[in-house]
Structure formats: structure tokens, C-alpha cells
């Protein structure tokens, strides 16, 4: 009678791995414990809990108009993906990022298996800032998304009541700071217009005097 040899399941990455050093090659397809989001930041694992309610409502406030833009402009936007739907491996930085929102204007080319994330890049990435992600969003991801070739990067900071809109220039990002009275517009999405105030109100962070 043949003996069945069972393979030991791979250990899942969880909160106890926060700060642990790991290569992108090892991290890229590692399983993650349910209820947690794991990124690789410059060769170190960063573990976060699933977003809280104010953070989630800001995502809703942003994605709603994006989906409306997609519906009213057939063929303009191929996909609007969230944190758990996509990943951005960045070998130059030994990082793997999961943006809050990633907008892909075109279909992926080549194989559509789990390696597609190495070549299918978003045109627009959006991060909603929390206190624990402030440095990553403003400094690390700014550098990494530039290296990756992203065309625009929006940093939404309800605490400061501002949106930092970064548009790709010849050698660096071109910055535009938007406040509660401003609207987000972009050449990537003709006709798209989103009131910054609507995002801040969704987070419960609007000053009545602004």
C-alpha cells in the first residue's frame, strides 16, 4: 500500500511578521492571513489591519465618480481596482505595493496569470492617508510609483484637508495642492471632476470655516 506524503502548508504572513526582512521574490506569492493587508517596503514586511470606516468612506467618495466616468466614456477606463484586487511589484526598491485605488486605462498584454502584475501597470494610483501610512504615502510610494512609471499619483489627506496631485513630468513629479474648495481634474480622464470637499466630508474631517 502506497504511503501518502502530505506537504506542509506554507506559513501565512501575519501581524507577527511586521518588520521582518524578506526579498520580493519570496514575498510576491506568499499567503497572507485573512483580515490583514501586507506590503513589502524596501525589503521589510509592513502589516496593516483592514481599513477603518472613515478610510473606507473616502474610498467610496472617490471610486463612485471614477466608475461614473467609466460608464459615461466607454473604452476610456479598463479597470478600477482596490487594495485587495491588485499589486505593484517594484524590484528596484524591493517593494510590493497595494494602492487604495489603481486605475488601468488599458488591458494587460501577454499571459493573464498571477505574473501579470509584473507588467500590467496602472496609469493612476490613489492613496488615502492614515496616521500609520503618512510616511509611506508621502515619501516612499512617491518615489516608488515614479520608478514604476505611473502617470499620476494622488495623495488624499483628509486630516490636512488637502489632496496632493502628482502628475508625471520629464524628470520629476509636477505637484498641485488642492483644498476643500477645489476639484480634482485630470487630463487622463476627460470630463472627470471630483470635489475635494466631498472626500473630506466622507472622512468627517471638514472645517466648517473652509
Protein backbone atom coordinates (compact mmCIF):
# COMPACT_ATOMS: atom_id res chain seq x y z
CA UNK A 1 0.00 0.00 0.00
CA UNK A 2 1.47 3.35 -1.07
CA UNK A 3 2.14 5.90 1.64
CA UNK A 4 0.69 9.33 1.03
CA UNK A 5 3.13 12.17 1.70
CA UNK A 6 1.43 15.41 2.62
CA UNK A 7 3.16 18.72 2.04
CA UNK A 8 3.29 21.07 4.97
CA UNK A 9 1.24 24.17 4.12
CA UNK A 10 3.18 27.39 3.76
CA UNK A 11 3.02 29.62 6.81
CA UNK A 12 0.89 32.70 6.22
CA UNK A 13 2.24 36.20 6.72
CA UNK A 14 0.50 37.91 9.62
CA UNK A 15 0.88 40.67 12.21
CA UNK A 16 3.79 38.90 13.93
CA UNK A 17 5.81 39.34 10.68
CA UNK A 18 5.63 43.15 10.77
CA UNK A 19 9.15 44.50 10.34
CA UNK A 20 10.55 41.16 9.19
CA UNK A 21 13.06 41.31 6.35
CA UNK A 22 12.12 39.43 3.17
CA UNK A 23 13.05 39.50 -0.51
CA UNK A 24 10.48 40.49 -3.13
CA UNK A 25 10.94 37.09 -4.77
CA UNK A 26 9.87 35.31 -1.56
CA UNK A 27 7.14 37.79 -0.66
CA UNK A 28 5.42 38.08 -4.04
CA UNK A 29 3.30 34.91 -3.80
CA UNK A 30 3.35 34.32 -0.04
CA UNK A 31 -0.11 33.67 1.53
CA UNK A 32 -1.46 36.31 3.94
CA UNK A 33 -3.69 35.90 6.99
CA UNK A 34 -7.29 36.96 6.42
CA UNK A 35 -8.12 40.39 7.80
CA UNK A 36 -4.69 41.88 7.19
CA UNK A 37 -3.01 43.76 4.36
CA UNK A 38 0.68 43.11 3.80
CA UNK A 39 3.07 45.15 1.70
CA UNK A 40 6.79 44.86 1.20
CA UNK A 41 8.50 48.19 1.87
CA UNK A 42 12.14 48.37 0.83
CA UNK A 43 12.69 44.74 1.80
CA UNK A 44 10.67 44.78 5.05
CA UNK A 45 7.16 43.47 5.65
CA UNK A 46 4.53 46.04 6.66
CA UNK A 47 1.32 44.59 8.10
CA UNK A 48 -1.85 46.70 8.39
CA UNK A 49 -5.35 45.88 9.53
CA UNK A 50 -8.27 46.23 7.14
CA UNK A 51 -9.21 49.89 6.68
CA UNK A 52 -11.49 51.63 9.21
CA UNK A 53 -14.86 53.22 8.39
CA UNK A 54 -13.70 56.83 7.63
CA UNK A 55 -10.98 55.46 5.36
CA UNK A 56 -13.47 53.20 3.58
CA UNK A 57 -15.95 56.04 3.04
CA UNK A 58 -13.25 58.15 1.40
CA UNK A 59 -12.64 55.27 -0.98
CA UNK A 60 -16.36 55.23 -1.78
CA UNK A 61 -16.35 59.01 -2.36
CA UNK A 62 -13.52 58.66 -4.88
CA UNK A 63 -14.45 55.45 -6.67
CA UNK A 64 -18.08 56.49 -7.23
CA UNK A 65 -17.15 59.31 -9.66
CA UNK A 66 -14.44 57.13 -11.23
CA UNK A 67 -17.00 54.41 -12.02
CA UNK A 68 -19.41 57.06 -13.34
CA UNK A 69 -16.63 58.33 -15.62
CA UNK A 70 -16.01 54.79 -16.85
CA UNK A 71 -19.70 54.24 -17.60
CA UNK A 72 -20.09 57.53 -19.48
CA UNK A 73 -16.90 57.06 -21.51
CA UNK A 74 -16.90 53.51 -22.92
CA UNK A 75 -13.40 52.28 -23.63
CA UNK A 76 -11.64 55.01 -21.63
CA UNK A 77 -11.01 53.06 -18.40
CA UNK A 78 -10.40 49.33 -18.48
CA UNK A 79 -10.37 48.66 -14.73
CA UNK A 80 -10.66 50.35 -11.35
CA UNK A 81 -9.10 48.10 -8.73
CA UNK A 82 -8.72 48.25 -4.97
CA UNK A 83 -6.14 47.22 -2.39
CA UNK A 84 -7.04 43.53 -2.42
CA UNK A 85 -7.53 43.37 -6.20
CA UNK A 86 -4.05 44.23 -7.48
CA UNK A 87 -0.42 44.55 -6.54
CA UNK A 88 2.55 46.53 -7.82
CA UNK A 89 5.90 44.74 -7.57
CA UNK A 90 8.78 47.24 -7.71
CA UNK A 91 12.04 45.27 -7.95
CA UNK A 92 14.27 48.36 -7.92
CA UNK A 93 13.09 49.11 -4.37
CA UNK A 94 12.47 45.54 -3.18
CA UNK A 95 8.87 46.65 -2.62
CA UNK A 96 5.38 45.39 -3.39
CA UNK A 97 2.57 47.91 -3.00
CA UNK A 98 -1.21 47.59 -2.89
CA UNK A 99 -2.64 51.06 -3.65
CA UNK A 100 -6.01 52.02 -2.22
CA UNK A 101 -7.19 52.66 -5.78
CA UNK A 102 -5.50 51.81 -9.07
CA UNK A 103 -6.90 52.92 -12.43
CA UNK A 104 -5.85 50.95 -15.51
CA UNK A 105 -6.62 52.56 -18.85
CA UNK A 106 -5.60 49.56 -20.96
CA UNK A 107 -5.91 45.77 -20.90
CA UNK A 108 -2.95 43.65 -19.79
CA UNK A 109 -0.74 42.22 -22.50
CA UNK A 110 0.54 38.66 -22.55
CA UNK A 111 -0.38 35.99 -20.03
CA UNK A 112 -3.16 36.82 -17.58
CA UNK A 113 -1.89 34.61 -14.77
CA UNK A 114 -0.57 35.71 -11.40
CA UNK A 115 2.58 37.12 -13.02
CA UNK A 116 0.62 39.75 -14.96
CA UNK A 117 1.20 42.29 -12.14
CA UNK A 118 4.86 42.45 -13.13
CA UNK A 119 3.99 44.08 -16.45
CA UNK A 120 0.45 45.48 -16.16
CA UNK A 121 0.84 48.95 -14.67
CA UNK A 122 -1.85 51.43 -13.57
CA UNK A 123 -1.94 54.89 -15.11
CA UNK A 124 -3.26 56.41 -11.89
CA UNK A 125 -2.71 55.38 -8.27
CA UNK A 126 -4.50 56.89 -5.28
CA UNK A 127 -3.60 56.55 -1.61
CA UNK A 128 -5.83 57.69 1.27
CA UNK A 129 -3.54 58.75 4.10
CA UNK A 130 -3.86 57.38 7.63
CA UNK A 131 -1.55 58.25 10.50
CA UNK A 132 0.28 54.95 10.20
CA UNK A 133 0.78 55.33 6.43
CA UNK A 134 1.76 59.01 6.26
CA UNK A 135 5.49 58.48 5.66
CA UNK A 136 4.89 55.63 3.22
CA UNK A 137 2.34 57.58 1.17
CA UNK A 138 4.19 60.91 1.02
CA UNK A 139 7.77 59.70 0.70
CA UNK A 140 8.28 56.03 -0.12
CA UNK A 141 5.37 55.47 -2.51
CA UNK A 142 6.01 58.80 -4.19
CA UNK A 143 9.46 57.53 -5.15
CA UNK A 144 8.32 54.01 -5.97
CA UNK A 145 5.37 54.96 -8.16
CA UNK A 146 7.67 57.30 -10.09
CA UNK A 147 10.14 54.46 -10.65
CA UNK A 148 7.31 52.18 -11.76
CA UNK A 149 6.17 54.64 -14.44
CA UNK A 150 2.78 55.67 -13.02
CA UNK A 151 1.41 58.74 -14.84
CA UNK A 152 -0.43 60.29 -11.88
CA UNK A 153 -0.44 59.75 -8.13
CA UNK A 154 -2.99 61.35 -5.79
CA UNK A 155 -2.33 61.54 -2.06
CA UNK A 156 -5.62 62.18 -0.27
CA UNK A 157 -5.12 63.59 3.24
CA UNK A 158 -8.40 64.40 4.98
CA UNK A 159 -6.59 65.30 8.22
CA UNK A 160 -4.83 68.16 6.43
CA UNK A 161 -7.85 68.78 4.19
CA UNK A 162 -5.73 68.51 1.08
CA UNK A 163 -5.15 66.37 -1.98
CA UNK A 164 -1.62 66.36 -3.38
CA UNK A 165 -1.97 65.65 -7.08
CA UNK A 166 1.29 64.49 -8.66
CA UNK A 167 1.50 64.45 -12.44
CA UNK A 168 4.44 62.90 -14.25
CA UNK A 169 6.91 65.44 -15.68
CA UNK A 170 10.16 64.96 -17.60
CA UNK A 171 12.36 64.27 -14.60
CA UNK A 172 10.11 64.50 -11.53
CA UNK A 173 6.53 64.84 -10.35
CA UNK A 174 4.70 68.10 -11.04
CA UNK A 175 2.83 68.98 -7.85
CA UNK A 176 -0.58 70.55 -7.36
CA UNK A 177 -2.08 71.01 -3.90
CA UNK A 178 -5.89 71.04 -3.72
CA UNK A 179 -8.03 72.14 -0.77
CA UNK A 180 -11.70 71.87 0.29
CA UNK A 181 -12.85 74.45 -2.27
CA UNK A 182 -11.05 72.77 -5.17
CA UNK A 183 -11.95 69.98 -7.59
CA UNK A 184 -9.76 67.13 -8.80
CA UNK A 185 -9.47 67.08 -12.58
CA UNK A 186 -7.03 65.21 -14.81
CA UNK A 187 -6.15 65.01 -18.50
CA UNK A 188 -6.19 61.23 -18.13
CA UNK A 189 -9.96 61.32 -17.62
CA UNK A 190 -11.72 63.92 -19.81
CA UNK A 191 -14.81 65.27 -18.08
CA UNK A 192 -13.90 63.86 -14.66
CA UNK A 193 -14.42 66.32 -11.80
CA UNK A 194 -14.46 65.44 -8.11
CA UNK A 195 -14.99 67.93 -5.29
CA UNK A 196 -12.30 67.56 -2.64
CA UNK A 197 -14.81 68.65 -0.02
CA UNK A 198 -16.92 65.55 -0.74
CA UNK A 199 -13.96 63.34 0.18
CA UNK A 200 -13.18 65.23 3.37
CA UNK A 201 -16.83 65.19 4.40
CA UNK A 202 -16.87 61.43 3.92
CA UNK A 203 -14.00 61.23 6.42
CA UNK A 204 -15.70 63.62 8.84
CA UNK A 205 -12.75 65.97 8.60
CA UNK A 206 -14.16 69.20 7.15
CA UNK A 207 -13.65 72.51 8.90
CA UNK A 208 -16.91 74.49 8.68
CA UNK A 209 -14.93 77.68 8.01
CA UNK A 210 -13.33 76.33 4.83
